[in-house]
């Protein structure tokens, strides 16, 4: 198990870091995102998806639990993995994770699970755990952590509910710390140094 820590000051910098990380990913990889409301989990996933070359429209999976973003044949990474974006906020256990059948998409996709700590570790022998920490602020009184209705739905088309309010990323342009922990044999010997630098240094 190895650990890295990065700092970003804007949403663009957070997405650039995620895009650099995407170049190291392949189908079957699992990313577990944690952090308070507004920490930037969805902003991070947007940068990841852009670099993976999947269909755009990534928003926080608040009212559906799973969104599938297929790889675009005419995108920047044709033939790459799909992106499966999961919100495990209202899932209380690993058994409830199993009920949404992520195993069916794991082999062909990069799976990103927000609020997935202590819920999804059984899905794969290796994973990346990424915690995003805001330097300023916290969940607002209008949107406390428990005020997030959701339904057990898999959205094939992210545009179906693109008008849904995204609770996660209200204040993107502020300093953040991203802590990355690499777990399991898939990541043995991988050096993540430089993920927060311009892309040419990580290619």
Protein backbone atom coordinates (compact mmCIF):
# COMPACT_ATOMS: atom_id res chain seq x y z
CA UNK A 1 0.00 0.00 0.00
CA UNK A 2 1.47 3.35 -1.06
CA UNK A 3 0.34 6.94 -0.58
CA UNK A 4 0.67 10.23 -2.45
CA UNK A 5 -0.64 13.71 -1.74
CA UNK A 6 -1.35 16.51 -4.21
CA UNK A 7 -2.66 20.07 -3.97
CA UNK A 8 -4.84 21.89 -6.50
CA UNK A 9 -6.26 25.41 -6.47
CA UNK A 10 -8.88 25.30 -9.23
CA UNK A 11 -11.38 22.91 -10.78
CA UNK A 12 -9.24 22.90 -13.93
CA UNK A 13 -6.21 21.74 -11.94
CA UNK A 14 -8.25 18.99 -10.26
CA UNK A 15 -9.50 17.80 -13.64
CA UNK A 16 -6.00 17.92 -15.13
CA UNK A 17 -4.73 15.68 -12.33
CA UNK A 18 -7.62 13.28 -12.94
CA UNK A 19 -6.89 13.31 -16.66
CA UNK A 20 -3.28 12.40 -16.04
CA UNK A 21 -4.39 9.56 -13.80
CA UNK A 22 -6.76 8.30 -16.52
CA UNK A 23 -3.76 7.56 -18.74
CA UNK A 24 -2.68 4.92 -16.24
CA UNK A 25 -6.09 3.25 -16.06
CA UNK A 26 -7.49 0.24 -17.86
CA UNK A 27 -10.68 -1.79 -17.86
CA UNK A 28 -11.24 -3.46 -14.50
CA UNK A 29 -9.76 -0.65 -12.41
CA UNK A 30 -11.69 0.53 -9.35
CA UNK A 31 -11.45 4.04 -7.90
CA UNK A 32 -13.03 4.85 -4.54
CA UNK A 33 -13.64 8.57 -3.98
CA UNK A 34 -14.27 10.10 -0.59
CA UNK A 35 -14.66 13.62 0.76
CA UNK A 36 -17.32 15.89 2.17
CA UNK A 37 -20.07 17.45 0.10
CA UNK A 38 -18.51 19.95 -2.25
CA UNK A 39 -15.07 18.37 -2.02
CA UNK A 40 -14.84 17.94 -5.79
CA UNK A 41 -15.57 14.25 -6.34
CA UNK A 42 -17.66 14.87 -9.44
CA UNK A 43 -15.27 17.50 -10.76
CA UNK A 44 -12.51 14.91 -10.47
CA UNK A 45 -14.62 12.31 -12.28
CA UNK A 46 -15.32 14.75 -15.11
CA UNK A 47 -11.60 15.16 -15.73
CA UNK A 48 -11.16 11.41 -15.61
CA UNK A 49 -13.97 10.83 -18.10
CA UNK A 50 -12.70 13.46 -20.53
CA UNK A 51 -9.29 11.81 -20.71
CA UNK A 52 -10.80 8.32 -20.95
CA UNK A 53 -12.79 9.54 -23.95
CA UNK A 54 -16.24 8.61 -22.71
CA UNK A 55 -19.57 10.26 -23.45
CA UNK A 56 -19.78 13.65 -21.72
CA UNK A 57 -22.45 14.77 -19.28
CA UNK A 58 -20.88 13.52 -16.05
CA UNK A 59 -22.79 14.84 -13.05
CA UNK A 60 -23.08 13.56 -9.52
CA UNK A 61 -25.16 10.34 -9.42
CA UNK A 62 -27.41 11.76 -6.69
CA UNK A 63 -30.86 10.68 -7.83
CA UNK A 64 -29.72 7.52 -9.57
CA UNK A 65 -27.11 5.23 -8.13
CA UNK A 66 -25.22 4.34 -11.30
CA UNK A 67 -24.47 6.14 -14.55
CA UNK A 68 -22.72 4.41 -17.45
CA UNK A 69 -20.66 6.59 -19.81
CA UNK A 70 -19.63 4.53 -22.86
CA UNK A 71 -16.36 5.05 -24.64
CA UNK A 72 -16.69 7.17 -27.80
CA UNK A 73 -15.43 5.56 -30.98
CA UNK A 74 -14.71 9.02 -32.40
CA UNK A 75 -13.32 10.41 -29.14
CA UNK A 76 -9.74 10.93 -27.92
CA UNK A 77 -9.36 7.35 -26.68
CA UNK A 78 -11.22 5.03 -29.08
CA UNK A 79 -11.41 1.46 -27.88
CA UNK A 80 -10.79 2.44 -24.29
CA UNK A 81 -12.90 1.37 -21.32
CA UNK A 82 -16.32 2.73 -20.45
CA UNK A 83 -16.75 4.72 -17.26
CA UNK A 84 -19.19 3.53 -14.61
CA UNK A 85 -19.94 6.29 -12.09
CA UNK A 86 -21.57 5.19 -8.84
CA UNK A 87 -22.99 7.07 -5.85
CA UNK A 88 -22.91 4.76 -2.81
CA UNK A 89 -24.06 7.44 -0.38
CA UNK A 90 -27.33 5.70 0.47
CA UNK A 91 -25.96 2.18 0.27
CA UNK A 92 -25.28 0.99 3.79
CA UNK A 93 -23.38 -2.22 3.10
CA UNK A 94 -21.43 -4.34 0.65
CA UNK A 95 -24.58 -6.45 0.16
CA UNK A 96 -26.46 -3.42 -1.17
CA UNK A 97 -23.57 -2.73 -3.54
CA UNK A 98 -23.92 -6.28 -4.84
CA UNK A 99 -27.60 -5.64 -5.57
CA UNK A 100 -26.71 -3.15 -8.32
CA UNK A 101 -24.61 -5.76 -10.17
CA UNK A 102 -21.43 -3.81 -10.72
CA UNK A 103 -19.71 -7.12 -11.40
CA UNK A 104 -21.40 -7.13 -14.82
CA UNK A 105 -19.54 -4.00 -15.93
CA UNK A 106 -16.28 -4.20 -13.98
CA UNK A 107 -14.30 -6.10 -16.62
CA UNK A 108 -15.05 -3.64 -19.43
CA UNK A 109 -15.04 -0.39 -17.47
CA UNK A 110 -13.23 1.89 -15.10
CA UNK A 111 -15.51 2.03 -12.08
CA UNK A 112 -15.58 5.18 -9.93
CA UNK A 113 -17.53 4.99 -6.68
CA UNK A 114 -18.28 8.13 -4.70
CA UNK A 115 -18.85 7.50 -0.96
CA UNK A 116 -17.56 3.97 -1.57
CA UNK A 117 -15.23 3.50 1.43
CA UNK A 118 -16.09 0.37 3.45
CA UNK A 119 -18.66 -0.62 0.83
CA UNK A 120 -16.91 -1.64 -2.40
CA UNK A 121 -13.51 -3.00 -1.41
CA UNK A 122 -14.71 -6.56 -2.08
CA UNK A 123 -15.30 -5.83 -5.78
CA UNK A 124 -11.65 -6.03 -6.82
CA UNK A 125 -8.32 -7.14 -5.30
CA UNK A 126 -6.79 -3.76 -6.18
CA UNK A 127 -8.12 -0.23 -6.02
CA UNK A 128 -7.19 3.43 -5.84
CA UNK A 129 -8.58 5.27 -2.84
CA UNK A 130 -8.73 9.03 -3.39
CA UNK A 131 -9.78 11.45 -0.69
CA UNK A 132 -10.53 15.06 -1.64
CA UNK A 133 -10.30 17.64 1.14
CA UNK A 134 -11.49 21.22 0.81
CA UNK A 135 -9.22 23.82 2.34
CA UNK A 136 -12.23 26.04 2.95
CA UNK A 137 -15.88 25.54 3.72
CA UNK A 138 -18.11 22.60 4.53
CA UNK A 139 -21.58 21.29 3.63
CA UNK A 140 -24.08 24.13 3.66
CA UNK A 141 -27.15 24.17 5.97
CA UNK A 142 -29.35 24.13 2.87
CA UNK A 143 -27.76 20.89 1.70
CA UNK A 144 -26.81 18.80 4.75
CA UNK A 145 -25.23 15.44 4.22
CA UNK A 146 -28.45 13.53 4.82
CA UNK A 147 -30.58 15.54 2.39
CA UNK A 148 -29.93 13.53 -0.75
CA UNK A 149 -32.82 11.48 -2.16
CA UNK A 150 -31.83 8.69 -4.49
CA UNK A 151 -33.41 5.77 -6.27
CA UNK A 152 -32.03 2.39 -7.30
CA UNK A 153 -31.76 3.17 -11.00
CA UNK A 154 -29.02 2.68 -13.57
CA UNK A 155 -28.91 5.56 -16.04
CA UNK A 156 -27.65 4.56 -19.50
CA UNK A 157 -27.94 8.14 -20.79
CA UNK A 158 -26.49 10.83 -18.52
CA UNK A 159 -28.50 13.46 -20.39
CA UNK A 160 -31.77 11.96 -19.11
CA UNK A 161 -31.39 13.82 -15.82
CA UNK A 162 -28.74 16.38 -16.71
CA UNK A 163 -30.86 19.10 -15.13
CA UNK A 164 -30.60 17.51 -11.71
CA UNK A 165 -28.91 19.72 -9.15
CA UNK A 166 -25.41 18.49 -8.38
CA UNK A 167 -24.94 18.63 -4.62
CA UNK A 168 -21.27 17.70 -4.71
CA UNK A 169 -19.44 20.48 -6.51
CA UNK A 170 -20.80 23.90 -5.65
CA UNK A 171 -17.48 25.74 -5.14
CA UNK A 172 -14.87 24.22 -7.40
CA UNK A 173 -12.29 26.99 -7.59
CA UNK A 174 -10.73 26.78 -4.17
CA UNK A 175 -7.67 24.99 -2.79
CA UNK A 176 -7.97 21.24 -2.34
CA UNK A 177 -5.76 18.43 -1.15
CA UNK A 178 -6.06 15.07 -2.91
CA UNK A 179 -4.74 12.04 -1.06
CA UNK A 180 -4.22 8.94 -3.16
CA UNK A 181 -3.67 5.48 -1.73
CA UNK A 182 -2.84 2.61 -4.07
CA UNK A 183 -3.97 -0.80 -2.79
CA UNK A 184 -3.28 -4.23 -4.22
CA UNK A 185 -1.04 -5.94 -6.79
CA UNK A 186 -2.37 -3.99 -9.78
CA UNK A 187 -0.62 -0.88 -8.50
CA UNK A 188 2.58 -2.40 -7.16
CA UNK A 189 5.54 -0.35 -8.32
CA UNK A 190 3.43 2.36 -10.00
CA UNK A 191 4.79 5.86 -9.35
CA UNK A 192 2.07 8.52 -9.25
CA UNK A 193 4.52 11.37 -8.77
CA UNK A 194 3.73 14.23 -11.14
CA UNK A 195 0.01 13.66 -11.61
CA UNK A 196 -0.57 17.33 -10.81
CA UNK A 197 1.88 18.52 -13.46
CA UNK A 198 1.17 19.27 -17.14
CA UNK A 199 0.27 16.15 -19.07
CA UNK A 200 3.55 15.93 -20.98
CA UNK A 201 5.41 15.02 -17.78
CA UNK A 202 3.21 11.97 -17.10
CA UNK A 203 3.01 10.48 -20.59
